[in-house]
Amino acid sequence: MGSPEADDPGDLQAYVKLMTEHQGNLRAFIISLMPGSPDVADVLQETNAALWQKRAKFEPGSNFIAWSFQIARYEVRRQRDRTKRLGRLVFPKRSSISWRKWKRPRTPRTS
């Protein structure tokens, strides 16, 4: 695609079209790497920013989705590192255990 400063408008349109066509796939891929995380939208945005910054490195005619998934995988790893550094705990939105219905197991009493 050449340098970002000298982007051909036709190339830019084709690249933007690829990015927009694959947003659903990218989001699903990120969700699969971060199930239940509230940071999926942030990682998708960071991935899109990285894709835009690296557009000159994309080879037209090559597999855009594989290339974008590799960048998304890197952005997920960066997000996990940030989360660890901040000491944040991440819980899924829905747990398989309903805490309201959960009862502590009874232990047998000894006399």
N, C-alpha and C. Protein backbone atom coordinates (compact mmCIF):
# COMPACT_ATOMS: atom_id res chain seq x y z
N MET A 1 0.81 -1.20 0.00
CA MET A 1 0.00 0.00 0.00
C MET A 1 0.85 1.25 0.00
N GLY A 2 2.13 1.13 0.26
CA GLY A 2 2.98 2.31 0.28
C GLY A 2 2.97 3.00 1.62
N SER A 3 3.59 4.16 1.66
CA SER A 3 3.65 4.89 2.92
C SER A 3 2.30 5.54 3.20
N PRO A 4 1.95 5.70 4.51
CA PRO A 4 0.66 6.31 4.85
C PRO A 4 0.48 7.70 4.28
N GLU A 5 1.58 8.44 4.09
CA GLU A 5 1.48 9.80 3.58
C GLU A 5 1.08 9.82 2.11
N ALA A 6 1.47 8.77 1.37
CA ALA A 6 1.23 8.75 -0.07
C ALA A 6 0.17 7.72 -0.44
N ASP A 7 -0.81 7.52 0.42
CA ASP A 7 -1.85 6.53 0.16
C ASP A 7 -2.67 6.92 -1.06
N ASP A 8 -2.87 5.96 -1.94
CA ASP A 8 -3.73 6.12 -3.10
C ASP A 8 -5.18 6.06 -2.60
N PRO A 9 -6.03 7.01 -2.98
CA PRO A 9 -7.43 6.99 -2.51
C PRO A 9 -8.14 5.67 -2.80
N GLY A 10 -7.84 5.04 -3.94
CA GLY A 10 -8.45 3.76 -4.26
C GLY A 10 -8.00 2.68 -3.30
N ASP A 11 -6.71 2.69 -2.95
CA ASP A 11 -6.18 1.72 -1.99
C ASP A 11 -6.80 1.95 -0.61
N LEU A 12 -6.94 3.22 -0.24
CA LEU A 12 -7.54 3.54 1.06
C LEU A 12 -8.98 3.05 1.13
N GLN A 13 -9.74 3.26 0.05
CA GLN A 13 -11.12 2.80 0.03
C GLN A 13 -11.20 1.28 0.15
N ALA A 14 -10.32 0.59 -0.55
CA ALA A 14 -10.30 -0.88 -0.49
C ALA A 14 -9.93 -1.35 0.92
N TYR A 15 -8.98 -0.66 1.55
CA TYR A 15 -8.54 -1.04 2.89
C TYR A 15 -9.65 -0.78 3.91
N VAL A 16 -10.30 0.36 3.81
CA VAL A 16 -11.41 0.69 4.71
C VAL A 16 -12.54 -0.32 4.53
N LYS A 17 -12.78 -0.72 3.30
CA LYS A 17 -13.82 -1.71 3.02
C LYS A 17 -13.47 -3.04 3.70
N LEU A 18 -12.21 -3.47 3.60
CA LEU A 18 -11.78 -4.70 4.28
C LEU A 18 -11.98 -4.59 5.79
N MET A 19 -11.58 -3.46 6.34
CA MET A 19 -11.72 -3.27 7.79
C MET A 19 -13.18 -3.32 8.22
N THR A 20 -14.04 -2.65 7.50
CA THR A 20 -15.45 -2.61 7.90
C THR A 20 -16.14 -3.95 7.68
N GLU A 21 -15.78 -4.65 6.61
CA GLU A 21 -16.39 -5.96 6.34
C GLU A 21 -16.07 -6.98 7.43
N HIS A 22 -14.91 -6.83 8.06
CA HIS A 22 -14.45 -7.84 9.01
C HIS A 22 -14.59 -7.43 10.48
N GLN A 23 -15.32 -6.35 10.76
CA GLN A 23 -15.49 -5.93 12.15
C GLN A 23 -16.18 -6.99 13.00
N GLY A 24 -17.22 -7.61 12.47
CA GLY A 24 -17.92 -8.66 13.21
C GLY A 24 -17.02 -9.85 13.51
N ASN A 25 -16.22 -10.25 12.51
CA ASN A 25 -15.28 -11.35 12.72
C ASN A 25 -14.23 -10.99 13.76
N LEU A 26 -13.71 -9.77 13.68
CA LEU A 26 -12.71 -9.33 14.65
C LEU A 26 -13.28 -9.32 16.07
N ARG A 27 -14.47 -8.78 16.20
CA ARG A 27 -15.11 -8.73 17.52
C ARG A 27 -15.34 -10.14 18.08
N ALA A 28 -15.83 -11.03 17.24
CA ALA A 28 -16.05 -12.42 17.69
C ALA A 28 -14.74 -13.08 18.08
N PHE A 29 -13.69 -12.83 17.33
CA PHE A 29 -12.38 -13.40 17.65
C PHE A 29 -11.87 -12.88 18.99
N ILE A 30 -12.01 -11.58 19.22
CA ILE A 30 -11.56 -10.98 20.48
C ILE A 30 -12.38 -11.54 21.64
N ILE A 31 -13.68 -11.67 21.46
CA ILE A 31 -14.54 -12.25 22.50
C ILE A 31 -14.09 -13.67 22.81
N SER A 32 -13.71 -14.43 21.78
CA SER A 32 -13.26 -15.81 22.02
C SER A 32 -11.98 -15.85 22.84
N LEU A 33 -11.17 -14.81 22.74
CA LEU A 33 -9.92 -14.75 23.51
C LEU A 33 -10.13 -14.14 24.90
N MET A 34 -11.24 -13.41 25.09
CA MET A 34 -11.51 -12.72 26.35
C MET A 34 -12.97 -12.94 26.77
N PRO A 35 -13.42 -14.18 26.91
CA PRO A 35 -14.84 -14.38 27.21
C PRO A 35 -15.25 -13.71 28.52
N GLY A 36 -16.33 -12.97 28.47
CA GLY A 36 -16.86 -12.32 29.65
C GLY A 36 -16.15 -11.04 30.05
N SER A 37 -15.15 -10.65 29.32
CA SER A 37 -14.40 -9.44 29.69
C SER A 37 -15.16 -8.18 29.30
N PRO A 38 -15.14 -7.18 30.18
CA PRO A 38 -15.78 -5.91 29.82
C PRO A 38 -14.90 -5.06 28.89
N ASP A 39 -13.70 -5.55 28.57
CA ASP A 39 -12.74 -4.77 27.79
C ASP A 39 -12.76 -5.08 26.30
N VAL A 40 -13.71 -5.88 25.84
CA VAL A 40 -13.74 -6.29 24.43
C VAL A 40 -13.82 -5.08 23.50
N ALA A 41 -14.70 -4.15 23.79
CA ALA A 41 -14.86 -2.97 22.92
C ALA A 41 -13.57 -2.15 22.88
N ASP A 42 -12.89 -2.03 24.02
CA ASP A 42 -11.63 -1.28 24.06
C ASP A 42 -10.56 -1.97 23.21
N VAL A 43 -10.49 -3.29 23.32
CA VAL A 43 -9.50 -4.04 22.55
C VAL A 43 -9.81 -3.96 21.06
N LEU A 44 -11.08 -4.00 20.70
CA LEU A 44 -11.46 -3.85 19.29
C LEU A 44 -11.03 -2.48 18.77
N GLN A 45 -11.24 -1.46 19.58
CA GLN A 45 -10.84 -0.11 19.17
C GLN A 45 -9.32 -0.02 19.03
N GLU A 46 -8.59 -0.58 19.97
CA GLU A 46 -7.12 -0.58 19.88
C GLU A 46 -6.65 -1.37 18.65
N THR A 47 -7.33 -2.47 18.37
CA THR A 47 -6.99 -3.27 17.19
C THR A 47 -7.22 -2.47 15.92
N ASN A 48 -8.35 -1.78 15.84
CA ASN A 48 -8.63 -0.96 14.66
C ASN A 48 -7.60 0.16 14.50
N ALA A 49 -7.20 0.76 15.61
CA ALA A 49 -6.17 1.81 15.53
C ALA A 49 -4.85 1.22 15.02
N ALA A 50 -4.49 0.05 15.52
CA ALA A 50 -3.26 -0.60 15.08
C ALA A 50 -3.34 -1.00 13.61
N LEU A 51 -4.50 -1.51 13.19
CA LEU A 51 -4.68 -1.86 11.78
C LEU A 51 -4.51 -0.64 10.89
N TRP A 52 -5.04 0.48 11.33
CA TRP A 52 -4.93 1.70 10.54
C TRP A 52 -3.47 2.17 10.48
N GLN A 53 -2.78 2.13 11.61
CA GLN A 53 -1.38 2.56 11.64
C GLN A 53 -0.49 1.64 10.81
N LYS A 54 -0.83 0.37 10.72
CA LYS A 54 -0.01 -0.61 10.00
C LYS A 54 -0.50 -0.87 8.58
N ARG A 55 -1.40 -0.05 8.08
CA ARG A 55 -2.00 -0.31 6.77
C ARG A 55 -0.95 -0.36 5.66
N ALA A 56 0.15 0.36 5.79
CA ALA A 56 1.18 0.34 4.75
C ALA A 56 1.88 -1.02 4.69
N LYS A 57 1.81 -1.79 5.77
CA LYS A 57 2.46 -3.11 5.80
C LYS A 57 1.59 -4.22 5.25
N PHE A 58 0.31 -3.94 5.05
CA PHE A 58 -0.59 -4.96 4.51
C PHE A 58 -0.33 -5.15 3.03
N GLU A 59 -0.21 -6.41 2.62
CA GLU A 59 0.00 -6.76 1.22
C GLU A 59 -1.35 -7.00 0.56
N PRO A 60 -1.77 -6.13 -0.36
CA PRO A 60 -3.05 -6.36 -1.04
C PRO A 60 -3.07 -7.75 -1.69
N GLY A 61 -4.19 -8.42 -1.56
CA GLY A 61 -4.33 -9.76 -2.11
C GLY A 61 -4.00 -10.85 -1.11
N SER A 62 -3.37 -10.48 0.02
CA SER A 62 -3.08 -11.48 1.04
C SER A 62 -4.29 -11.61 1.96
N ASN A 63 -4.20 -12.51 2.92
CA ASN A 63 -5.32 -12.82 3.80
C ASN A 63 -5.47 -11.75 4.88
N PHE A 64 -6.37 -10.80 4.65
CA PHE A 64 -6.57 -9.70 5.60
C PHE A 64 -7.03 -10.20 6.96
N ILE A 65 -7.95 -11.17 6.97
CA ILE A 65 -8.51 -11.61 8.25
C ILE A 65 -7.44 -12.28 9.11
N ALA A 66 -6.58 -13.09 8.52
CA ALA A 66 -5.50 -13.73 9.28
C ALA A 66 -4.54 -12.66 9.83
N TRP A 67 -4.23 -11.68 9.01
CA TRP A 67 -3.33 -10.61 9.41
C TRP A 67 -3.95 -9.78 10.55
N SER A 68 -5.24 -9.46 10.41
CA SER A 68 -5.90 -8.65 11.44
C SER A 68 -6.08 -9.45 12.74
N PHE A 69 -6.32 -10.77 12.64
CA PHE A 69 -6.42 -11.59 13.85
C PHE A 69 -5.10 -11.63 14.61
N GLN A 70 -4.00 -11.65 13.89
CA GLN A 70 -2.69 -11.63 14.54
C GLN A 70 -2.50 -10.33 15.33
N ILE A 71 -2.90 -9.24 14.74
CA ILE A 71 -2.81 -7.94 15.43
C ILE A 71 -3.77 -7.92 16.62
N ALA A 72 -4.96 -8.46 16.46
CA ALA A 72 -5.94 -8.52 17.56
C ALA A 72 -5.39 -9.37 18.71
N ARG A 73 -4.75 -10.48 18.38
CA ARG A 73 -4.17 -11.36 19.41
C ARG A 73 -3.12 -10.58 20.24
N TYR A 74 -2.33 -9.80 19.56
CA TYR A 74 -1.33 -8.97 20.24
C TYR A 74 -2.01 -7.92 21.13
N GLU A 75 -3.07 -7.31 20.65
CA GLU A 75 -3.78 -6.30 21.45
C GLU A 75 -4.45 -6.93 22.67
N VAL A 76 -4.97 -8.14 22.54
CA VAL A 76 -5.55 -8.85 23.69
C VAL A 76 -4.46 -9.10 24.72
N ARG A 77 -3.29 -9.52 24.27
CA ARG A 77 -2.17 -9.76 25.19
C ARG A 77 -1.77 -8.46 25.92
N ARG A 78 -1.74 -7.36 25.18
CA ARG A 78 -1.42 -6.08 25.82
C ARG A 78 -2.46 -5.70 26.87
N GLN A 79 -3.75 -5.93 26.56
CA GLN A 79 -4.81 -5.62 27.51
C GLN A 79 -4.69 -6.48 28.77
N ARG A 80 -4.39 -7.76 28.59
CA ARG A 80 -4.20 -8.64 29.75
C ARG A 80 -3.04 -8.17 30.61
N ASP A 81 -1.97 -7.74 29.99
CA ASP A 81 -0.83 -7.22 30.74
C ASP A 81 -1.21 -5.96 31.52
N ARG A 82 -1.97 -5.07 30.88
CA ARG A 82 -2.43 -3.86 31.57
C ARG A 82 -3.32 -4.21 32.76
N THR A 83 -4.21 -5.18 32.55
CA THR A 83 -5.12 -5.60 33.62
C THR A 83 -4.35 -6.18 34.79
N LYS A 84 -3.35 -7.01 34.50
CA LYS A 84 -2.52 -7.58 35.57
C LYS A 84 -1.77 -6.49 36.31
N ARG A 85 -1.23 -5.55 35.56
CA ARG A 85 -0.45 -4.47 36.16
C ARG A 85 -1.32 -3.62 37.09
N LEU A 86 -2.58 -3.42 36.71
CA LEU A 86 -3.49 -2.63 37.54
C LEU A 86 -4.08 -3.45 38.69
N GLY A 87 -3.88 -4.75 38.64
CA GLY A 87 -4.39 -5.62 39.70
C GLY A 87 -5.89 -5.76 39.68
N ARG A 88 -6.50 -5.60 38.50
CA ARG A 88 -7.95 -5.71 38.38
C ARG A 88 -8.37 -7.15 38.22
N LEU A 89 -9.45 -7.51 38.86
CA LEU A 89 -10.05 -8.82 38.66
C LEU A 89 -11.15 -8.69 37.62
N VAL A 90 -11.26 -9.67 36.73
CA VAL A 90 -12.28 -9.63 35.71
C VAL A 90 -13.16 -10.86 35.88
N PHE A 91 -14.45 -10.62 36.06
CA PHE A 91 -15.42 -11.70 36.21
C PHE A 91 -16.32 -11.69 34.99
N PRO A 92 -16.75 -12.87 34.55
CA PRO A 92 -17.70 -12.91 33.44
C PRO A 92 -19.02 -12.25 33.85
N LYS A 93 -19.75 -11.75 32.87
CA LYS A 93 -21.02 -11.09 33.16
C LYS A 93 -22.01 -12.07 33.76
N ARG A 94 -22.03 -13.28 33.26
CA ARG A 94 -22.93 -14.30 33.78
C ARG A 94 -22.09 -15.44 34.33
N SER A 95 -22.35 -15.77 35.52
CA SER A 95 -21.64 -16.88 36.13
C SER A 95 -22.50 -18.13 36.01
N SER A 96 -21.85 -19.28 36.00
CA SER A 96 -22.62 -20.52 35.93
C SER A 96 -23.28 -20.82 37.28
N ILE A 97 -22.83 -20.13 38.33
CA ILE A 97 -23.41 -20.32 39.66
C ILE A 97 -24.20 -19.06 40.02
N SER A 98 -25.42 -19.24 40.41
CA SER A 98 -26.20 -18.12 40.89
C SER A 98 -25.89 -17.98 42.38
N TRP A 99 -25.25 -16.91 42.76
CA TRP A 99 -24.82 -16.74 44.14
C TRP A 99 -26.01 -16.62 45.09
N ARG A 100 -27.12 -16.14 44.60
CA ARG A 100 -28.29 -16.03 45.47
C ARG A 100 -28.85 -17.40 45.82
N LYS A 101 -28.73 -18.33 44.90
CA LYS A 101 -29.26 -19.67 45.13
C LYS A 101 -28.24 -20.61 45.74
N TRP A 102 -27.00 -20.20 45.77
CA TRP A 102 -25.93 -21.06 46.27
C TRP A 102 -26.02 -21.20 47.78
N LYS A 103 -25.90 -22.41 48.26
CA LYS A 103 -25.91 -22.66 49.70
C LYS A 103 -24.63 -23.36 50.07
N ARG A 104 -24.11 -22.97 51.19
CA ARG A 104 -22.88 -23.60 51.68
C ARG A 104 -23.16 -25.07 51.97
N PRO A 105 -22.30 -25.97 51.51
CA PRO A 105 -22.50 -27.39 51.79
C PRO A 105 -22.46 -27.63 53.30
N ARG A 106 -23.36 -28.44 53.74
CA ARG A 106 -23.41 -28.75 55.17
C ARG A 106 -22.35 -29.78 55.52
N THR A 107 -21.72 -29.54 56.63
CA THR A 107 -20.74 -30.51 57.11
C THR A 107 -21.40 -31.31 58.22
N PRO A 108 -21.14 -32.58 58.24
CA PRO A 108 -21.77 -33.42 59.28
C PRO A 108 -21.29 -33.01 60.66
N ARG A 109 -22.19 -32.97 61.61
CA ARG A 109 -21.85 -32.63 62.98
C ARG A 109 -21.36 -33.87 63.71
N THR A 110 -20.35 -33.65 64.47
CA THR A 110 -19.86 -34.75 65.30
C THR A 110 -20.22 -34.46 66.75
N SER A 111 -20.65 -35.48 67.46
CA SER A 111 -21.07 -35.28 68.86
C SER A 111 -19.96 -35.53 69.82
